[in-house]
mmCIF file of all heavy atoms, coordinates in Angstrom:
data_MODEL
# 
_entry.id   MODEL 
# 
loop_
_atom_site.group_PDB 
_atom_site.id 
_atom_site.type_symbol 
_atom_site.label_atom_id 
_atom_site.label_alt_id 
_atom_site.label_comp_id 
_atom_site.label_asym_id 
_atom_site.label_entity_id 
_atom_site.label_seq_id 
_atom_site.pdbx_PDB_ins_code 
_atom_site.Cartn_x 
_atom_site.Cartn_y 
_atom_site.Cartn_z 
_atom_site.occupancy 
_atom_site.B_iso_or_equiv 
_atom_site.pdbx_formal_charge 
_atom_site.auth_seq_id 
_atom_site.auth_comp_id 
_atom_site.auth_asym_id 
_atom_site.auth_atom_id 
_atom_site.pdbx_PDB_model_num 
ATOM 1   N N   . ILE A 1 1  ? -8.204  3.926   -16.609 1.00 0.00 ? 1  ILE A N   1 
ATOM 2   C CA  . ILE A 1 1  ? -9.106  5.053   -16.109 1.00 0.00 ? 1  ILE A CA  1 
ATOM 3   C C   . ILE A 1 1  ? -9.399  4.927   -14.588 1.00 0.00 ? 1  ILE A C   1 
ATOM 4   O O   . ILE A 1 1  ? -9.814  3.777   -14.263 1.00 0.00 ? 1  ILE A O   1 
ATOM 5   C CB  . ILE A 1 1  ? -10.345 5.289   -16.930 1.00 0.00 ? 1  ILE A CB  1 
ATOM 6   C CG1 . ILE A 1 1  ? -9.913  5.615   -18.353 1.00 0.00 ? 1  ILE A CG1 1 
ATOM 7   C CG2 . ILE A 1 1  ? -11.178 6.332   -16.335 1.00 0.00 ? 1  ILE A CG2 1 
ATOM 8   C CD1 . ILE A 1 1  ? -11.218 5.461   -19.262 1.00 0.00 ? 1  ILE A CD1 1 
ATOM 9   N N   . SER A 1 2  ? -9.060  5.874   -13.825 1.00 0.00 ? 2  SER A N   1 
ATOM 10  C CA  . SER A 1 2  ? -9.195  5.803   -12.399 1.00 0.00 ? 2  SER A CA  1 
ATOM 11  C C   . SER A 1 2  ? -10.058 7.068   -12.046 1.00 0.00 ? 2  SER A C   1 
ATOM 12  O O   . SER A 1 2  ? -9.514  8.127   -12.311 1.00 0.00 ? 2  SER A O   1 
ATOM 13  C CB  . SER A 1 2  ? -8.104  5.730   -11.544 1.00 0.00 ? 2  SER A CB  1 
ATOM 14  O OG  . SER A 1 2  ? -8.380  5.695   -10.213 1.00 0.00 ? 2  SER A OG  1 
ATOM 15  N N   . ILE A 1 3  ? -11.205 6.936   -11.358 1.00 0.00 ? 3  ILE A N   1 
ATOM 16  C CA  . ILE A 1 3  ? -12.067 8.105   -10.927 1.00 0.00 ? 3  ILE A CA  1 
ATOM 17  C C   . ILE A 1 3  ? -12.276 7.982   -9.459  1.00 0.00 ? 3  ILE A C   1 
ATOM 18  O O   . ILE A 1 3  ? -12.992 6.952   -9.032  1.00 0.00 ? 3  ILE A O   1 
ATOM 19  C CB  . ILE A 1 3  ? -13.379 8.221   -11.741 1.00 0.00 ? 3  ILE A CB  1 
ATOM 20  C CG1 . ILE A 1 3  ? -12.953 8.342   -13.254 1.00 0.00 ? 3  ILE A CG1 1 
ATOM 21  C CG2 . ILE A 1 3  ? -14.198 9.299   -11.232 1.00 0.00 ? 3  ILE A CG2 1 
ATOM 22  C CD1 . ILE A 1 3  ? -14.193 8.210   -14.152 1.00 0.00 ? 3  ILE A CD1 1 
ATOM 23  N N   . ASP A 1 4  ? -12.094 9.052   -8.762  1.00 0.00 ? 4  ASP A N   1 
ATOM 24  C CA  . ASP A 1 4  ? -12.454 9.135   -7.308  1.00 0.00 ? 4  ASP A CA  1 
ATOM 25  C C   . ASP A 1 4  ? -13.331 10.290  -7.170  1.00 0.00 ? 4  ASP A C   1 
ATOM 26  O O   . ASP A 1 4  ? -12.848 11.487  -7.482  1.00 0.00 ? 4  ASP A O   1 
ATOM 27  C CB  . ASP A 1 4  ? -11.173 9.200   -6.432  1.00 0.00 ? 4  ASP A CB  1 
ATOM 28  C CG  . ASP A 1 4  ? -10.331 8.016   -6.392  1.00 0.00 ? 4  ASP A CG  1 
ATOM 29  O OD1 . ASP A 1 4  ? -10.832 6.929   -5.853  1.00 0.00 ? 4  ASP A OD1 1 
ATOM 30  O OD2 . ASP A 1 4  ? -9.140  8.059   -6.783  1.00 0.00 ? 4  ASP A OD2 1 
ATOM 31  N N   . THR A 1 5  ? -14.551 10.063  -6.584  1.00 0.00 ? 5  THR A N   1 
ATOM 32  C CA  . THR A 1 5  ? -15.492 11.110  -6.492  1.00 0.00 ? 5  THR A CA  1 
ATOM 33  C C   . THR A 1 5  ? -16.570 11.061  -5.428  1.00 0.00 ? 5  THR A C   1 
ATOM 34  O O   . THR A 1 5  ? -16.563 9.790   -4.820  1.00 0.00 ? 5  THR A O   1 
ATOM 35  C CB  . THR A 1 5  ? -16.235 11.280  -7.928  1.00 0.00 ? 5  THR A CB  1 
ATOM 36  O OG1 . THR A 1 5  ? -17.080 12.446  -7.935  1.00 0.00 ? 5  THR A OG1 1 
ATOM 37  C CG2 . THR A 1 5  ? -16.988 10.009  -8.238  1.00 0.00 ? 5  THR A CG2 1 
ATOM 38  N N   . GLY A 1 6  ? -17.318 11.876  -5.237  1.00 0.00 ? 6  GLY A N   1 
ATOM 39  C CA  . GLY A 1 6  ? -18.446 11.728  -4.325  1.00 0.00 ? 6  GLY A CA  1 
ATOM 40  C C   . GLY A 1 6  ? -19.567 11.082  -5.013  1.00 0.00 ? 6  GLY A C   1 
ATOM 41  O O   . GLY A 1 6  ? -20.123 10.038  -4.689  1.00 0.00 ? 6  GLY A O   1 
ATOM 42  N N   . ASN A 1 7  ? -20.075 11.790  -6.054  1.00 0.00 ? 7  ASN A N   1 
ATOM 43  C CA  . ASN A 1 7  ? -21.156 11.314  -7.008  1.00 0.00 ? 7  ASN A CA  1 
ATOM 44  C C   . ASN A 1 7  ? -20.648 11.321  -8.359  1.00 0.00 ? 7  ASN A C   1 
ATOM 45  O O   . ASN A 1 7  ? -20.035 12.247  -8.771  1.00 0.00 ? 7  ASN A O   1 
ATOM 46  C CB  . ASN A 1 7  ? -22.361 12.196  -6.812  1.00 0.00 ? 7  ASN A CB  1 
ATOM 47  C CG  . ASN A 1 7  ? -22.952 12.188  -5.411  1.00 0.00 ? 7  ASN A CG  1 
ATOM 48  O OD1 . ASN A 1 7  ? -23.398 11.026  -4.990  1.00 0.00 ? 7  ASN A OD1 1 
ATOM 49  N ND2 . ASN A 1 7  ? -22.937 13.191  -4.652  1.00 0.00 ? 7  ASN A ND2 1 
ATOM 50  N N   . MET A 1 8  ? -21.228 10.417  -9.258  1.00 0.00 ? 8  MET A N   1 
ATOM 51  C CA  . MET A 1 8  ? -20.893 10.449  -10.650 1.00 0.00 ? 8  MET A CA  1 
ATOM 52  C C   . MET A 1 8  ? -21.971 10.094  -11.368 1.00 0.00 ? 8  MET A C   1 
ATOM 53  O O   . MET A 1 8  ? -22.819 9.098   -11.160 1.00 0.00 ? 8  MET A O   1 
ATOM 54  C CB  . MET A 1 8  ? -19.792 9.442   -10.949 1.00 0.00 ? 8  MET A CB  1 
ATOM 55  C CG  . MET A 1 8  ? -19.261 9.516   -12.352 1.00 0.00 ? 8  MET A CG  1 
ATOM 56  S SD  . MET A 1 8  ? -17.892 8.446   -12.678 1.00 0.00 ? 8  MET A SD  1 
ATOM 57  C CE  . MET A 1 8  ? -18.704 6.940   -13.030 1.00 0.00 ? 8  MET A CE  1 
ATOM 58  N N   . SER A 1 9  ? -22.408 10.848  -12.425 1.00 0.00 ? 9  SER A N   1 
ATOM 59  C CA  . SER A 1 9  ? -23.504 10.719  -13.350 1.00 0.00 ? 9  SER A CA  1 
ATOM 60  C C   . SER A 1 9  ? -22.894 10.420  -14.760 1.00 0.00 ? 9  SER A C   1 
ATOM 61  O O   . SER A 1 9  ? -22.165 11.353  -15.214 1.00 0.00 ? 9  SER A O   1 
ATOM 62  C CB  . SER A 1 9  ? -24.504 11.730  -13.337 1.00 0.00 ? 9  SER A CB  1 
ATOM 63  O OG  . SER A 1 9  ? -25.116 11.912  -12.046 1.00 0.00 ? 9  SER A OG  1 
ATOM 64  N N   . VAL A 1 10 ? -23.322 9.334   -15.384 1.00 0.00 ? 10 VAL A N   1 
ATOM 65  C CA  . VAL A 1 10 ? -22.824 9.149   -16.870 1.00 0.00 ? 10 VAL A CA  1 
ATOM 66  C C   . VAL A 1 10 ? -24.339 9.118   -17.462 1.00 0.00 ? 10 VAL A C   1 
ATOM 67  O O   . VAL A 1 10 ? -24.848 7.983   -17.676 1.00 0.00 ? 10 VAL A O   1 
ATOM 68  C CB  . VAL A 1 10 ? -22.079 7.743   -16.955 1.00 0.00 ? 10 VAL A CB  1 
ATOM 69  C CG1 . VAL A 1 10 ? -21.670 7.615   -18.385 1.00 0.00 ? 10 VAL A CG1 1 
ATOM 70  C CG2 . VAL A 1 10 ? -20.821 7.806   -16.051 1.00 0.00 ? 10 VAL A CG2 1 
ATOM 71  N N   . ILE A 1 11 ? -24.700 10.191  -18.068 1.00 0.00 ? 11 ILE A N   1 
ATOM 72  C CA  . ILE A 1 11 ? -25.972 10.297  -18.822 1.00 0.00 ? 11 ILE A CA  1 
ATOM 73  C C   . ILE A 1 11 ? -25.803 10.707  -20.169 1.00 0.00 ? 11 ILE A C   1 
ATOM 74  O O   . ILE A 1 11 ? -25.208 11.530  -20.473 1.00 0.00 ? 11 ILE A O   1 
ATOM 75  C CB  . ILE A 1 11 ? -26.822 11.379  -18.090 1.00 0.00 ? 11 ILE A CB  1 
ATOM 76  C CG1 . ILE A 1 11 ? -27.032 10.994  -16.556 1.00 0.00 ? 11 ILE A CG1 1 
ATOM 77  C CG2 . ILE A 1 11 ? -28.226 11.439  -18.714 1.00 0.00 ? 11 ILE A CG2 1 
ATOM 78  C CD1 . ILE A 1 11 ? -27.652 11.962  -15.709 1.00 0.00 ? 11 ILE A CD1 1 
ATOM 79  N N   . ASN A 1 12 ? -26.374 9.756   -20.925 1.00 0.00 ? 12 ASN A N   1 
ATOM 80  C CA  . ASN A 1 12 ? -26.164 9.929   -22.546 1.00 0.00 ? 12 ASN A CA  1 
ATOM 81  C C   . ASN A 1 12 ? -24.759 9.992   -22.904 1.00 0.00 ? 12 ASN A C   1 
ATOM 82  O O   . ASN A 1 12 ? -24.454 10.931  -23.777 1.00 0.00 ? 12 ASN A O   1 
ATOM 83  C CB  . ASN A 1 12 ? -26.999 11.120  -23.042 1.00 0.00 ? 12 ASN A CB  1 
ATOM 84  C CG  . ASN A 1 12 ? -28.561 10.843  -22.760 1.00 0.00 ? 12 ASN A CG  1 
ATOM 85  O OD1 . ASN A 1 12 ? -29.078 9.744   -22.716 1.00 0.00 ? 12 ASN A OD1 1 
ATOM 86  N ND2 . ASN A 1 12 ? -29.240 11.949  -22.545 1.00 0.00 ? 12 ASN A ND2 1 
ATOM 87  N N   . SER A 1 13 ? -23.843 9.349   -22.163 1.00 0.00 ? 13 SER A N   1 
ATOM 88  C CA  . SER A 1 13 ? -22.520 9.528   -22.532 1.00 0.00 ? 13 SER A CA  1 
ATOM 89  C C   . SER A 1 13 ? -21.670 8.079   -22.163 1.00 0.00 ? 13 SER A C   1 
ATOM 90  O O   . SER A 1 13 ? -22.381 7.174   -21.577 1.00 0.00 ? 13 SER A O   1 
ATOM 91  C CB  . SER A 1 13 ? -21.761 10.570  -21.833 1.00 0.00 ? 13 SER A CB  1 
ATOM 92  O OG  . SER A 1 13 ? -21.865 10.599  -20.485 1.00 0.00 ? 13 SER A OG  1 
ATOM 93  N N   . GLN A 1 14 ? -20.435 8.064   -22.513 1.00 0.00 ? 14 GLN A N   1 
ATOM 94  C CA  . GLN A 1 14 ? -19.719 6.801   -22.213 1.00 0.00 ? 14 GLN A CA  1 
ATOM 95  C C   . GLN A 1 14 ? -18.312 7.092   -21.677 1.00 0.00 ? 14 GLN A C   1 
ATOM 96  O O   . GLN A 1 14 ? -17.792 8.217   -21.963 1.00 0.00 ? 14 GLN A O   1 
ATOM 97  C CB  . GLN A 1 14 ? -19.527 5.860   -23.447 1.00 0.00 ? 14 GLN A CB  1 
ATOM 98  C CG  . GLN A 1 14 ? -20.848 5.476   -24.098 1.00 0.00 ? 14 GLN A CG  1 
ATOM 99  C CD  . GLN A 1 14 ? -20.636 4.808   -25.309 1.00 0.00 ? 14 GLN A CD  1 
ATOM 100 O OE1 . GLN A 1 14 ? -19.647 5.026   -25.968 1.00 0.00 ? 14 GLN A OE1 1 
ATOM 101 N NE2 . GLN A 1 14 ? -21.604 3.848   -25.708 1.00 0.00 ? 14 GLN A NE2 1 
ATOM 102 N N   . ILE A 1 15 ? -17.879 6.221   -20.768 1.00 0.00 ? 15 ILE A N   1 
ATOM 103 C CA  . ILE A 1 15 ? -16.510 6.278   -20.221 1.00 0.00 ? 15 ILE A CA  1 
ATOM 104 C C   . ILE A 1 15 ? -15.823 4.844   -20.655 1.00 0.00 ? 15 ILE A C   1 
ATOM 105 O O   . ILE A 1 15 ? -16.404 3.848   -20.368 1.00 0.00 ? 15 ILE A O   1 
ATOM 106 C CB  . ILE A 1 15 ? -16.338 6.354   -18.799 1.00 0.00 ? 15 ILE A CB  1 
ATOM 107 C CG1 . ILE A 1 15 ? -17.019 7.856   -18.357 1.00 0.00 ? 15 ILE A CG1 1 
ATOM 108 C CG2 . ILE A 1 15 ? -15.021 6.279   -18.286 1.00 0.00 ? 15 ILE A CG2 1 
ATOM 109 C CD1 . ILE A 1 15 ? -17.027 8.096   -16.914 1.00 0.00 ? 15 ILE A CD1 1 
ATOM 110 N N   . GLY A 1 16 ? -14.693 4.982   -21.483 1.00 0.00 ? 16 GLY A N   1 
ATOM 111 C CA  . GLY A 1 16 ? -14.281 3.678   -21.963 1.00 0.00 ? 16 GLY A CA  1 
ATOM 112 C C   . GLY A 1 16 ? -12.722 3.631   -22.109 1.00 0.00 ? 16 GLY A C   1 
ATOM 113 O O   . GLY A 1 16 ? -12.084 4.661   -22.382 1.00 0.00 ? 16 GLY A O   1 
ATOM 114 N N   . SER A 1 17 ? -12.137 2.393   -21.862 1.00 0.00 ? 17 SER A N   1 
ATOM 115 C CA  . SER A 1 17 ? -10.855 2.172   -22.267 1.00 0.00 ? 17 SER A CA  1 
ATOM 116 C C   . SER A 1 17 ? -11.015 0.808   -23.206 1.00 0.00 ? 17 SER A C   1 
ATOM 117 O O   . SER A 1 17 ? -11.412 -0.193  -22.973 1.00 0.00 ? 17 SER A O   1 
ATOM 118 C CB  . SER A 1 17 ? -9.941  1.661   -21.031 1.00 0.00 ? 17 SER A CB  1 
ATOM 119 O OG  . SER A 1 17 ? -8.729  1.220   -21.453 1.00 0.00 ? 17 SER A OG  1 
ATOM 120 N N   . ILE A 1 18 ? -10.931 1.187   -24.651 1.00 0.00 ? 18 ILE A N   1 
ATOM 121 C CA  . ILE A 1 18 ? -11.312 0.218   -25.556 1.00 0.00 ? 18 ILE A CA  1 
ATOM 122 C C   . ILE A 1 18 ? -10.132 0.001   -26.638 1.00 0.00 ? 18 ILE A C   1 
ATOM 123 O O   . ILE A 1 18 ? -9.502  0.965   -26.862 1.00 0.00 ? 18 ILE A O   1 
ATOM 124 C CB  . ILE A 1 18 ? -12.571 0.801   -26.319 1.00 0.00 ? 18 ILE A CB  1 
ATOM 125 C CG1 . ILE A 1 18 ? -13.713 0.935   -25.234 1.00 0.00 ? 18 ILE A CG1 1 
ATOM 126 C CG2 . ILE A 1 18 ? -13.023 -0.134  -27.473 1.00 0.00 ? 18 ILE A CG2 1 
ATOM 127 C CD1 . ILE A 1 18 ? -14.835 1.778   -25.813 1.00 0.00 ? 18 ILE A CD1 1 
ATOM 128 N N   . THR A 1 19 ? -9.867  -1.068  -27.059 1.00 0.00 ? 19 THR A N   1 
ATOM 129 C CA  . THR A 1 19 ? -8.996  -1.416  -28.094 1.00 0.00 ? 19 THR A CA  1 
ATOM 130 C C   . THR A 1 19 ? -9.755  -1.646  -29.388 1.00 0.00 ? 19 THR A C   1 
ATOM 131 O O   . THR A 1 19 ? -10.689 -2.340  -29.442 1.00 0.00 ? 19 THR A O   1 
ATOM 132 C CB  . THR A 1 19 ? -8.045  -2.559  -27.814 1.00 0.00 ? 19 THR A CB  1 
ATOM 133 O OG1 . THR A 1 19 ? -7.199  -2.747  -28.771 1.00 0.00 ? 19 THR A OG1 1 
ATOM 134 C CG2 . THR A 1 19 ? -8.723  -3.857  -27.523 1.00 0.00 ? 19 THR A CG2 1 
ATOM 135 N N   . PHE A 1 20 ? -9.364  -0.990  -30.396 1.00 0.00 ? 20 PHE A N   1 
ATOM 136 C CA  . PHE A 1 20 ? -10.043 -1.061  -31.826 1.00 0.00 ? 20 PHE A CA  1 
ATOM 137 C C   . PHE A 1 20 ? -9.088  -1.917  -32.819 1.00 0.00 ? 20 PHE A C   1 
ATOM 138 O O   . PHE A 1 20 ? -9.383  -2.097  -33.877 1.00 0.00 ? 20 PHE A O   1 
ATOM 139 C CB  . PHE A 1 20 ? -10.255 0.238   -32.344 1.00 0.00 ? 20 PHE A CB  1 
ATOM 140 C CG  . PHE A 1 20 ? -11.400 0.910   -31.668 1.00 0.00 ? 20 PHE A CG  1 
ATOM 141 C CD1 . PHE A 1 20 ? -11.093 1.723   -30.582 1.00 0.00 ? 20 PHE A CD1 1 
ATOM 142 C CD2 . PHE A 1 20 ? -12.721 0.799   -32.051 1.00 0.00 ? 20 PHE A CD2 1 
ATOM 143 C CE1 . PHE A 1 20 ? -12.094 2.364   -29.966 1.00 0.00 ? 20 PHE A CE1 1 
ATOM 144 C CE2 . PHE A 1 20 ? -13.852 1.503   -31.353 1.00 0.00 ? 20 PHE A CE2 1 
ATOM 145 C CZ  . PHE A 1 20 ? -13.470 2.328   -30.263 1.00 0.00 ? 20 PHE A CZ  1 
ATOM 146 N N   . ALA A 1 21 ? -7.980  -2.283  -32.178 1.00 0.00 ? 21 ALA A N   1 
ATOM 147 C CA  . ALA A 1 21 ? -6.858  -3.068  -33.053 1.00 0.00 ? 21 ALA A CA  1 
ATOM 148 C C   . ALA A 1 21 ? -6.273  -4.111  -32.337 1.00 0.00 ? 21 ALA A C   1 
ATOM 149 O O   . ALA A 1 21 ? -6.962  -4.778  -31.648 1.00 0.00 ? 21 ALA A O   1 
ATOM 150 C CB  . ALA A 1 21 ? -5.879  -1.873  -33.542 1.00 0.00 ? 21 ALA A CB  1 
ATOM 151 N N   . ARG A 1 22 ? -4.854  -4.226  -32.316 1.00 0.00 ? 22 ARG A N   1 
ATOM 152 C CA  . ARG A 1 22 ? -4.199  -5.177  -31.622 1.00 0.00 ? 22 ARG A CA  1 
ATOM 153 C C   . ARG A 1 22 ? -3.763  -4.564  -30.368 1.00 0.00 ? 22 ARG A C   1 
ATOM 154 O O   . ARG A 1 22 ? -2.943  -3.705  -30.320 1.00 0.00 ? 22 ARG A O   1 
ATOM 155 C CB  . ARG A 1 22 ? -2.995  -5.682  -32.434 1.00 0.00 ? 22 ARG A CB  1 
ATOM 156 C CG  . ARG A 1 22 ? -3.382  -6.624  -33.432 1.00 0.00 ? 22 ARG A CG  1 
ATOM 157 C CD  . ARG A 1 22 ? -2.104  -7.359  -33.854 1.00 0.00 ? 22 ARG A CD  1 
ATOM 158 N NE  . ARG A 1 22 ? -2.602  -8.502  -34.735 1.00 0.00 ? 22 ARG A NE  1 
ATOM 159 C CZ  . ARG A 1 22 ? -1.659  -9.050  -35.477 1.00 0.00 ? 22 ARG A CZ  1 
ATOM 160 N NH1 . ARG A 1 22 ? -0.426  -8.833  -35.525 1.00 0.00 ? 22 ARG A NH1 1 
ATOM 161 N NH2 . ARG A 1 22 ? -2.190  -10.103 -36.115 1.00 0.00 ? 22 ARG A NH2 1 
ATOM 162 N N   . GLY A 1 23 ? -4.184  -5.073  -29.116 1.00 0.00 ? 23 GLY A N   1 
ATOM 163 C CA  . GLY A 1 23 ? -3.795  -4.639  -27.907 1.00 0.00 ? 23 GLY A CA  1 
ATOM 164 C C   . GLY A 1 23 ? -4.873  -4.902  -26.962 1.00 0.00 ? 23 GLY A C   1 
ATOM 165 O O   . GLY A 1 23 ? -6.002  -5.304  -27.313 1.00 0.00 ? 23 GLY A O   1 
ATOM 166 N N   . ASN A 1 24 ? -4.682  -4.695  -25.656 1.00 0.00 ? 24 ASN A N   1 
ATOM 167 C CA  . ASN A 1 24 ? -5.523  -4.985  -24.654 1.00 0.00 ? 24 ASN A CA  1 
ATOM 168 C C   . ASN A 1 24 ? -6.154  -3.728  -24.178 1.00 0.00 ? 24 ASN A C   1 
ATOM 169 O O   . ASN A 1 24 ? -5.637  -2.672  -24.168 1.00 0.00 ? 24 ASN A O   1 
ATOM 170 C CB  . ASN A 1 24 ? -4.953  -5.659  -23.392 1.00 0.00 ? 24 ASN A CB  1 
ATOM 171 C CG  . ASN A 1 24 ? -4.266  -6.921  -23.833 1.00 0.00 ? 24 ASN A CG  1 
ATOM 172 O OD1 . ASN A 1 24 ? -4.744  -7.747  -24.532 1.00 0.00 ? 24 ASN A OD1 1 
ATOM 173 N ND2 . ASN A 1 24 ? -3.034  -7.113  -23.436 1.00 0.00 ? 24 ASN A ND2 1 
# 
């Protein structure tokens, strides 16, 4: 995930790159 911005708000939320099984 790549984000280019002026301002960023992550309020009551999530940004993720997650593995739930086999992998990175």
